[in-house]
Structure formats: C-alpha cells, structure tokens
C-alpha cells in the first residue's frame, strides 16, 4: 500500500517561479513511492481529519501540531518541519507514540543572518519605522551581543565585525575557547546587556528561553 504524506502551506508561495521548488519537492517524494497531498490553511479539526490516513506530515511555522492532533493521527510516523526549531510540534506527545520529528536546522541560516545585520545597519543609519523617525548613528565601534552563539550566530558575528564592531556573546554549553576564533568574547548574560548597542538572540523557543528578553533585561541595557 502506498504511503501518504501531507504538505501544509500557510499561504500560497509568491516567490519568483513558485511552482519550481514545490514541484521539485513533489517529485522527490513521489519518486520515493509516496502519495503527496498539498493543503493550505487547515483548522485543527481539518488537520486531524486529513491525517487519518497519512504516515507523514511536512509543515512550516504557523501550523500547530498539538497533542490532540498527534493522538488522533493513528498512522502518523514522521513530522518534518521545513525550517529551524520544532516548537510548534508537541514533542512529548510525538515521543510517546514513537513519531519521528525532524527539522532543517541550517536550511535558512544565512537568510536569518542577513535579516539580522541588514536591518540593524539600516535602523542605525536612520530608517523610519511607522510614523517615528529613528535617529542614525555609525555602526563602527558599536558593540553587538549574541545570545547563544552557534552556527548562524557565528555567521552574524563574522559579518558585523566587518563594520569594525566588537562582538560579545553567551552560550550555556559552547566554551569561550570555541567562540574565540570567531572573534566572540563570551561573557555571562548579566554582563552582556550593559555593554551592547545591539543585541541579537538566536535560540529555539524553549522553557529555558521563554521571556529571555523582558523588562528586567532591558533595564540593564
């Protein structure tokens, strides 16, 4: 019997030649012997109904795969998120049912890096946000801080150092010796906030990271 996989899209892809990447994905899955169904904007109830005869699910960020969804999907074997992080999938429920949850941790790292430092450059030069004018400053000699400096965090640091900026960072696991070759000085979190003109945070939404930036944090900046 042919296995069935559902691809969920929040909205229609509007990039140039949108049919190209989607068609390629369909071909890859179909060549693997899978029946492919593409759906958009499903409610929780519609998602549960669609998954009744599906072994696989591919999704982006907006769809919430809750415990109710997982428990109701009797045939589901794998959930793949075409992005970084898996915070919109209930991992505990998936683990209880031996459902494999996968993601693409480095799939959009460079895009995230560019989106981090490019607007930062623009805002510092005086970009306008809404009706308020943002007064500009030079990026040179500004001190950005990176929280959790991993793959894309290192890429951010390397790029912004080309502006003559110093970089400091924090990571709960990676040692200062590992960060040093990338020009990142590791410090405790509470020491980073007062030093920095710019702060970038690159981390999954976890219990330990929820509320990382709050009133107390900004009071130290």
C-alpha atoms as a PDB file:
ATOM      1  CA  UNK A   1       0.000   0.000   0.000  1.00  0.00           C
ATOM      2  CA  UNK A   2       1.317   3.449  -0.958  1.00  0.00           C
ATOM      3  CA  UNK A   3       2.215   5.682   1.977  1.00  0.00           C
ATOM      4  CA  UNK A   4       0.649   9.147   2.080  1.00  0.00           C
ATOM      5  CA  UNK A   5       2.272  12.403   3.132  1.00  0.00           C
ATOM      6  CA  UNK A   6       0.630  15.809   3.611  1.00  0.00           C
ATOM      7  CA  UNK A   7       2.414  19.080   2.810  1.00  0.00           C
ATOM      8  CA  UNK A   8       0.919  22.037   4.678  1.00  0.00           C
ATOM      9  CA  UNK A   9       1.301  25.595   3.417  1.00  0.00           C
ATOM     10  CA  UNK A  10       0.080  28.556   5.428  1.00  0.00           C
ATOM     11  CA  UNK A  11      -0.232  30.690   2.317  1.00  0.00           C
ATOM     12  CA  UNK A  12       0.455  30.342  -1.363  1.00  0.00           C
ATOM     13  CA  UNK A  13       4.155  30.787  -2.094  1.00  0.00           C
ATOM     14  CA  UNK A  14       4.618  34.001  -4.065  1.00  0.00           C
ATOM     15  CA  UNK A  15       8.330  33.980  -4.840  1.00  0.00           C
ATOM     16  CA  UNK A  16       9.505  34.037  -8.437  1.00  0.00           C
ATOM     17  CA  UNK A  17       8.591  30.793 -10.189  1.00  0.00           C
ATOM     18  CA  UNK A  18       6.771  29.436  -7.128  1.00  0.00           C
ATOM     19  CA  UNK A  19       5.971  26.212  -8.940  1.00  0.00           C
ATOM     20  CA  UNK A  20       9.643  25.230  -9.237  1.00  0.00           C
ATOM     21  CA  UNK A  21      10.575  24.347  -5.611  1.00  0.00           C
ATOM     22  CA  UNK A  22       7.140  22.908  -4.872  1.00  0.00           C
ATOM     23  CA  UNK A  23       7.179  20.759  -7.996  1.00  0.00           C
ATOM     24  CA  UNK A  24      10.680  19.530  -7.145  1.00  0.00           C
ATOM     25  CA  UNK A  25       9.573  18.571  -3.638  1.00  0.00           C
ATOM     26  CA  UNK A  26       6.591  16.690  -5.012  1.00  0.00           C
ATOM     27  CA  UNK A  27       8.784  14.802  -7.484  1.00  0.00           C
ATOM     28  CA  UNK A  28      11.296  13.798  -4.818  1.00  0.00           C
ATOM     29  CA  UNK A  29       8.575  12.423  -2.563  1.00  0.00           C
ATOM     30  CA  UNK A  30       6.702  10.738  -5.387  1.00  0.00           C
ATOM     31  CA  UNK A  31       9.900   9.136  -6.673  1.00  0.00           C
ATOM     32  CA  UNK A  32      10.218   7.667  -3.186  1.00  0.00           C
ATOM     33  CA  UNK A  33       6.869   5.955  -3.634  1.00  0.00           C
ATOM     34  CA  UNK A  34       4.801   8.405  -1.584  1.00  0.00           C
ATOM     35  CA  UNK A  35       1.368   9.790  -2.346  1.00  0.00           C
ATOM     36  CA  UNK A  36       1.595  13.574  -1.908  1.00  0.00           C
ATOM     37  CA  UNK A  37      -1.300  15.817  -0.862  1.00  0.00           C
ATOM     38  CA  UNK A  38      -0.861  19.597  -0.529  1.00  0.00           C
ATOM     39  CA  UNK A  39      -3.200  21.572   1.733  1.00  0.00           C
ATOM     40  CA  UNK A  40      -3.402  25.175   2.931  1.00  0.00           C
ATOM     41  CA  UNK A  41      -4.763  26.952   6.000  1.00  0.00           C
ATOM     42  CA  UNK A  42      -6.257  23.923   7.733  1.00  0.00           C
ATOM     43  CA  UNK A  43      -8.025  24.316  11.046  1.00  0.00           C
ATOM     44  CA  UNK A  44      -7.178  21.919  13.859  1.00  0.00           C
ATOM     45  CA  UNK A  45     -10.240  19.823  13.068  1.00  0.00           C
ATOM     46  CA  UNK A  46      -9.448  19.777   9.343  1.00  0.00           C
ATOM     47  CA  UNK A  47      -5.847  18.789  10.049  1.00  0.00           C
ATOM     48  CA  UNK A  48      -6.954  15.891  12.231  1.00  0.00           C
ATOM     49  CA  UNK A  49      -9.342  14.708   9.523  1.00  0.00           C
ATOM     50  CA  UNK A  50      -6.655  14.959   6.840  1.00  0.00           C
ATOM     51  CA  UNK A  51      -4.139  12.962   8.878  1.00  0.00           C
ATOM     52  CA  UNK A  52      -6.384   9.961   9.444  1.00  0.00           C
ATOM     53  CA  UNK A  53      -4.790   8.030   6.585  1.00  0.00           C
ATOM     54  CA  UNK A  54      -1.387   9.765   6.475  1.00  0.00           C
ATOM     55  CA  UNK A  55       2.004   8.462   7.520  1.00  0.00           C
ATOM     56  CA  UNK A  56       3.885  11.734   7.089  1.00  0.00           C
ATOM     57  CA  UNK A  57       3.423  15.480   7.557  1.00  0.00           C
ATOM     58  CA  UNK A  58       5.585  18.359   6.287  1.00  0.00           C
ATOM     59  CA  UNK A  59       4.861  21.835   7.635  1.00  0.00           C
ATOM     60  CA  UNK A  60       6.279  25.298   8.205  1.00  0.00           C
ATOM     61  CA  UNK A  61       5.821  27.548  11.237  1.00  0.00           C
ATOM     62  CA  UNK A  62       2.159  28.508  11.546  1.00  0.00           C
ATOM     63  CA  UNK A  63       0.631  25.035  11.901  1.00  0.00           C
ATOM     64  CA  UNK A  64       0.402  23.793  15.485  1.00  0.00           C
ATOM     65  CA  UNK A  65       0.777  20.034  15.821  1.00  0.00           C
ATOM     66  CA  UNK A  66      -0.674  19.666  19.302  1.00  0.00           C
ATOM     67  CA  UNK A  67      -1.045  16.564  21.444  1.00  0.00           C
ATOM     68  CA  UNK A  68      -4.666  16.288  20.296  1.00  0.00           C
ATOM     69  CA  UNK A  69      -3.571  16.263  16.657  1.00  0.00           C
ATOM     70  CA  UNK A  70      -0.841  13.684  17.267  1.00  0.00           C
ATOM     71  CA  UNK A  71      -3.041  11.404  19.370  1.00  0.00           C
ATOM     72  CA  UNK A  72      -5.756  11.458  16.703  1.00  0.00           C
ATOM     73  CA  UNK A  73      -3.354  10.622  13.854  1.00  0.00           C
ATOM     74  CA  UNK A  74      -3.217   6.856  14.196  1.00  0.00           C
ATOM     75  CA  UNK A  75      -0.994   6.232  11.161  1.00  0.00           C
ATOM     76  CA  UNK A  76       1.384   9.175  11.534  1.00  0.00           C
ATOM     77  CA  UNK A  77       5.053   8.129  11.609  1.00  0.00           C
ATOM     78  CA  UNK A  78       7.050  11.278  10.859  1.00  0.00           C
ATOM     79  CA  UNK A  79       6.620  15.058  11.130  1.00  0.00           C
ATOM     80  CA  UNK A  80       9.063  17.238   9.214  1.00  0.00           C
ATOM     81  CA  UNK A  81       9.357  20.982   9.650  1.00  0.00           C
ATOM     82  CA  UNK A  82      10.868  22.849   6.699  1.00  0.00           C
ATOM     83  CA  UNK A  83      12.545  25.372   8.977  1.00  0.00           C
ATOM     84  CA  UNK A  84      14.607  25.619  12.146  1.00  0.00           C
ATOM     85  CA  UNK A  85      13.201  24.613  15.505  1.00  0.00           C
ATOM     86  CA  UNK A  86      10.261  22.362  16.299  1.00  0.00           C
ATOM     87  CA  UNK A  87       8.455  24.490  18.890  1.00  0.00           C
ATOM     88  CA  UNK A  88       5.124  24.156  17.036  1.00  0.00           C
ATOM     89  CA  UNK A  89       5.170  20.360  17.436  1.00  0.00           C
ATOM     90  CA  UNK A  90       4.335  18.682  20.751  1.00  0.00           C
ATOM     91  CA  UNK A  91       7.478  16.606  21.185  1.00  0.00           C
ATOM     92  CA  UNK A  92       6.281  14.785  24.295  1.00  0.00           C
ATOM     93  CA  UNK A  93       3.164  13.501  22.544  1.00  0.00           C
ATOM     94  CA  UNK A  94       5.196  12.538  19.471  1.00  0.00           C
ATOM     95  CA  UNK A  95       7.744  10.689  21.606  1.00  0.00           C
ATOM     96  CA  UNK A  96       5.031   8.716  23.383  1.00  0.00           C
ATOM     97  CA  UNK A  97       3.784   7.474  20.016  1.00  0.00           C
ATOM     98  CA  UNK A  98       7.281   6.885  18.577  1.00  0.00           C
ATOM     99  CA  UNK A  99       6.698   9.532  15.895  1.00  0.00           C
ATOM    100  CA  UNK A 100       9.920  10.908  14.425  1.00  0.00           C
ATOM    101  CA  UNK A 101      10.103  14.729  14.420  1.00  0.00           C
ATOM    102  CA  UNK A 102      12.640  16.307  12.061  1.00  0.00           C
ATOM    103  CA  UNK A 103      13.643  19.821  11.021  1.00  0.00           C
ATOM    104  CA  UNK A 104      16.163  21.629   8.807  1.00  0.00           C
ATOM    105  CA  UNK A 105      18.366  23.430  11.360  1.00  0.00           C
ATOM    106  CA  UNK A 106      20.713  25.070   8.847  1.00  0.00           C
ATOM    107  CA  UNK A 107      18.282  25.421   5.957  1.00  0.00           C
ATOM    108  CA  UNK A 108      17.758  29.154   6.336  1.00  0.00           C
ATOM    109  CA  UNK A 109      20.737  30.116   8.491  1.00  0.00           C
ATOM    110  CA  UNK A 110      22.262  32.566   6.024  1.00  0.00           C
ATOM    111  CA  UNK A 111      18.890  34.185   5.365  1.00  0.00           C
ATOM    112  CA  UNK A 112      18.446  34.656   9.107  1.00  0.00           C
ATOM    113  CA  UNK A 113      21.942  36.090   9.343  1.00  0.00           C
ATOM    114  CA  UNK A 114      21.285  38.597   6.560  1.00  0.00           C
ATOM    115  CA  UNK A 115      17.956  39.560   8.091  1.00  0.00           C
ATOM    116  CA  UNK A 116      19.747  40.163  11.392  1.00  0.00           C
ATOM    117  CA  UNK A 117      22.522  42.511  10.354  1.00  0.00           C
ATOM    118  CA  UNK A 118      20.971  44.213   7.302  1.00  0.00           C
ATOM    119  CA  UNK A 119      18.035  45.890   9.108  1.00  0.00           C
ATOM    120  CA  UNK A 120      20.381  46.628  12.013  1.00  0.00           C
ATOM    121  CA  UNK A 121      22.560  48.573   9.634  1.00  0.00           C
ATOM    122  CA  UNK A 122      19.547  50.385   8.217  1.00  0.00           C
ATOM    123  CA  UNK A 123      17.997  51.239  11.576  1.00  0.00           C
ATOM    124  CA  UNK A 124      21.259  52.634  12.838  1.00  0.00           C
ATOM    125  CA  UNK A 125      21.522  54.815   9.751  1.00  0.00           C
ATOM    126  CA  UNK A 126      18.076  56.290  10.325  1.00  0.00           C
ATOM    127  CA  UNK A 127      15.428  54.037   8.777  1.00  0.00           C
ATOM    128  CA  UNK A 128      11.904  55.042   9.651  1.00  0.00           C
ATOM    129  CA  UNK A 129       9.597  52.628  11.448  1.00  0.00           C
ATOM    130  CA  UNK A 130       5.979  53.661  11.198  1.00  0.00           C
ATOM    131  CA  UNK A 131       5.482  57.373  11.878  1.00  0.00           C
ATOM    132  CA  UNK A 132       8.502  57.750  14.150  1.00  0.00           C
ATOM    133  CA  UNK A 133      11.924  58.740  12.920  1.00  0.00           C
ATOM    134  CA  UNK A 134      14.841  56.636  14.085  1.00  0.00           C
ATOM    135  CA  UNK A 135      17.912  58.821  14.559  1.00  0.00           C
ATOM    136  CA  UNK A 136      21.015  57.418  12.902  1.00  0.00           C
ATOM    137  CA  UNK A 137      24.491  56.529  14.135  1.00  0.00           C
ATOM    138  CA  UNK A 138      27.516  54.932  12.536  1.00  0.00           C
ATOM    139  CA  UNK A 139      27.870  51.171  13.030  1.00  0.00           C
ATOM    140  CA  UNK A 140      31.626  51.459  13.516  1.00  0.00           C
ATOM    141  CA  UNK A 141      32.758  50.662  17.060  1.00  0.00           C
ATOM    142  CA  UNK A 142      29.278  49.636  18.153  1.00  0.00           C
ATOM    143  CA  UNK A 143      29.170  46.560  20.360  1.00  0.00           C
ATOM    144  CA  UNK A 144      26.615  43.868  19.459  1.00  0.00           C
ATOM    145  CA  UNK A 145      25.867  40.959  21.755  1.00  0.00           C
ATOM    146  CA  UNK A 146      24.892  37.478  20.592  1.00  0.00           C
ATOM    147  CA  UNK A 147      22.935  35.189  22.872  1.00  0.00           C
ATOM    148  CA  UNK A 148      23.544  31.520  22.132  1.00  0.00           C
ATOM    149  CA  UNK A 149      26.315  31.932  19.509  1.00  0.00           C
ATOM    150  CA  UNK A 150      26.016  28.796  17.361  1.00  0.00           C
ATOM    151  CA  UNK A 151      26.024  28.292  13.579  1.00  0.00           C
ATOM    152  CA  UNK A 152      24.094  31.349  12.378  1.00  0.00           C
ATOM    153  CA  UNK A 153      25.240  33.353  15.422  1.00  0.00           C
ATOM    154  CA  UNK A 154      28.851  32.896  14.344  1.00  0.00           C
ATOM    155  CA  UNK A 155      27.900  33.964  10.831  1.00  0.00           C
ATOM    156  CA  UNK A 156      26.304  37.131  12.225  1.00  0.00           C
ATOM    157  CA  UNK A 157      29.416  37.880  14.282  1.00  0.00           C
ATOM    158  CA  UNK A 158      31.781  37.401  11.346  1.00  0.00           C
ATOM    159  CA  UNK A 159      29.744  39.741   9.138  1.00  0.00           C
ATOM    160  CA  UNK A 160      29.202  42.544  11.611  1.00  0.00           C
ATOM    161  CA  UNK A 161      32.873  42.530  12.546  1.00  0.00           C
ATOM    162  CA  UNK A 162      33.499  43.829   9.025  1.00  0.00           C
ATOM    163  CA  UNK A 163      31.859  47.074  10.228  1.00  0.00           C
ATOM    164  CA  UNK A 164      34.568  47.392  12.877  1.00  0.00           C
ATOM    165  CA  UNK A 165      32.238  46.191  15.636  1.00  0.00           C
ATOM    166  CA  UNK A 166      33.280  44.180  18.669  1.00  0.00           C
ATOM    167  CA  UNK A 167      31.192  41.094  19.436  1.00  0.00           C
ATOM    168  CA  UNK A 168      30.401  39.511  22.775  1.00  0.00           C
ATOM    169  CA  UNK A 169      28.174  36.504  23.319  1.00  0.00           C
ATOM    170  CA  UNK A 170      26.798  33.873  25.642  1.00  0.00           C
ATOM    171  CA  UNK A 171      26.243  30.149  25.244  1.00  0.00           C
ATOM    172  CA  UNK A 172      25.287  27.702  28.020  1.00  0.00           C
ATOM    173  CA  UNK A 173      27.331  24.860  26.502  1.00  0.00           C
ATOM    174  CA  UNK A 174      29.899  26.121  23.982  1.00  0.00           C
ATOM    175  CA  UNK A 175      33.157  27.096  25.678  1.00  0.00           C
ATOM    176  CA  UNK A 176      34.847  30.510  25.325  1.00  0.00           C
ATOM    177  CA  UNK A 177      37.745  28.758  23.590  1.00  0.00           C
ATOM    178  CA  UNK A 178      35.437  27.627  20.780  1.00  0.00           C
ATOM    179  CA  UNK A 179      33.964  31.109  20.293  1.00  0.00           C
ATOM    180  CA  UNK A 180      37.271  32.988  20.458  1.00  0.00           C
ATOM    181  CA  UNK A 181      38.483  32.106  16.906  1.00  0.00           C
ATOM    182  CA  UNK A 182      35.327  33.771  15.568  1.00  0.00           C
ATOM    183  CA  UNK A 183      36.110  36.983  17.422  1.00  0.00           C
ATOM    184  CA  UNK A 184      33.372  36.442  20.021  1.00  0.00           C
ATOM    185  CA  UNK A 185      34.187  37.180  23.653  1.00  0.00           C
ATOM    186  CA  UNK A 186      31.957  35.032  25.855  1.00  0.00           C
ATOM    187  CA  UNK A 187      30.521  36.589  28.993  1.00  0.00           C
ATOM    188  CA  UNK A 188      27.749  35.772  31.482  1.00  0.00           C
ATOM    189  CA  UNK A 189      24.361  37.031  30.289  1.00  0.00           C
ATOM    190  CA  UNK A 190      24.023  39.641  33.017  1.00  0.00           C
ATOM    191  CA  UNK A 191      27.332  41.181  31.930  1.00  0.00           C
ATOM    192  CA  UNK A 192      26.375  41.357  28.256  1.00  0.00           C
ATOM    193  CA  UNK A 193      23.295  43.575  28.471  1.00  0.00           C
ATOM    194  CA  UNK A 194      25.014  46.773  29.748  1.00  0.00           C
ATOM    195  CA  UNK A 195      27.823  46.526  27.178  1.00  0.00           C
ATOM    196  CA  UNK A 196      25.912  46.286  23.922  1.00  0.00           C
ATOM    197  CA  UNK A 197      24.475  48.755  21.452  1.00  0.00           C
ATOM    198  CA  UNK A 198      22.795  45.916  19.535  1.00  0.00           C
ATOM    199  CA  UNK A 199      21.557  42.557  20.828  1.00  0.00           C
ATOM    200  CA  UNK A 200      20.706  39.564  18.641  1.00  0.00           C
ATOM    201  CA  UNK A 201      19.081  36.436  20.045  1.00  0.00           C
ATOM    202  CA  UNK A 202      19.225  33.146  18.135  1.00  0.00           C
ATOM    203  CA  UNK A 203      17.543  30.321  20.009  1.00  0.00           C
ATOM    204  CA  UNK A 204      14.621  27.956  19.827  1.00  0.00           C
ATOM    205  CA  UNK A 205      11.546  28.736  21.913  1.00  0.00           C
ATOM    206  CA  UNK A 206      12.141  26.557  24.971  1.00  0.00           C
ATOM    207  CA  UNK A 207      11.053  26.715  28.587  1.00  0.00           C
ATOM    208  CA  UNK A 208      14.522  27.997  29.449  1.00  0.00           C
ATOM    209  CA  UNK A 209      14.439  30.744  26.794  1.00  0.00           C
ATOM    210  CA  UNK A 210      10.851  31.975  27.111  1.00  0.00           C
ATOM    211  CA  UNK A 211      10.903  35.519  28.476  1.00  0.00           C
ATOM    212  CA  UNK A 212      14.650  35.856  27.977  1.00  0.00           C
ATOM    213  CA  UNK A 213      14.130  39.468  26.923  1.00  0.00           C
ATOM    214  CA  UNK A 214      11.934  41.202  29.490  1.00  0.00           C
ATOM    215  CA  UNK A 215      11.612  44.428  31.479  1.00  0.00           C
ATOM    216  CA  UNK A 216      14.468  43.441  33.788  1.00  0.00           C
ATOM    217  CA  UNK A 217      16.718  42.657  30.840  1.00  0.00           C
ATOM    218  CA  UNK A 218      16.023  45.938  29.073  1.00  0.00           C
ATOM    219  CA  UNK A 219      16.574  47.827  32.321  1.00  0.00           C
ATOM    220  CA  UNK A 220      20.177  46.604  32.242  1.00  0.00           C
ATOM    221  CA  UNK A 221      20.781  47.788  28.689  1.00  0.00           C
END
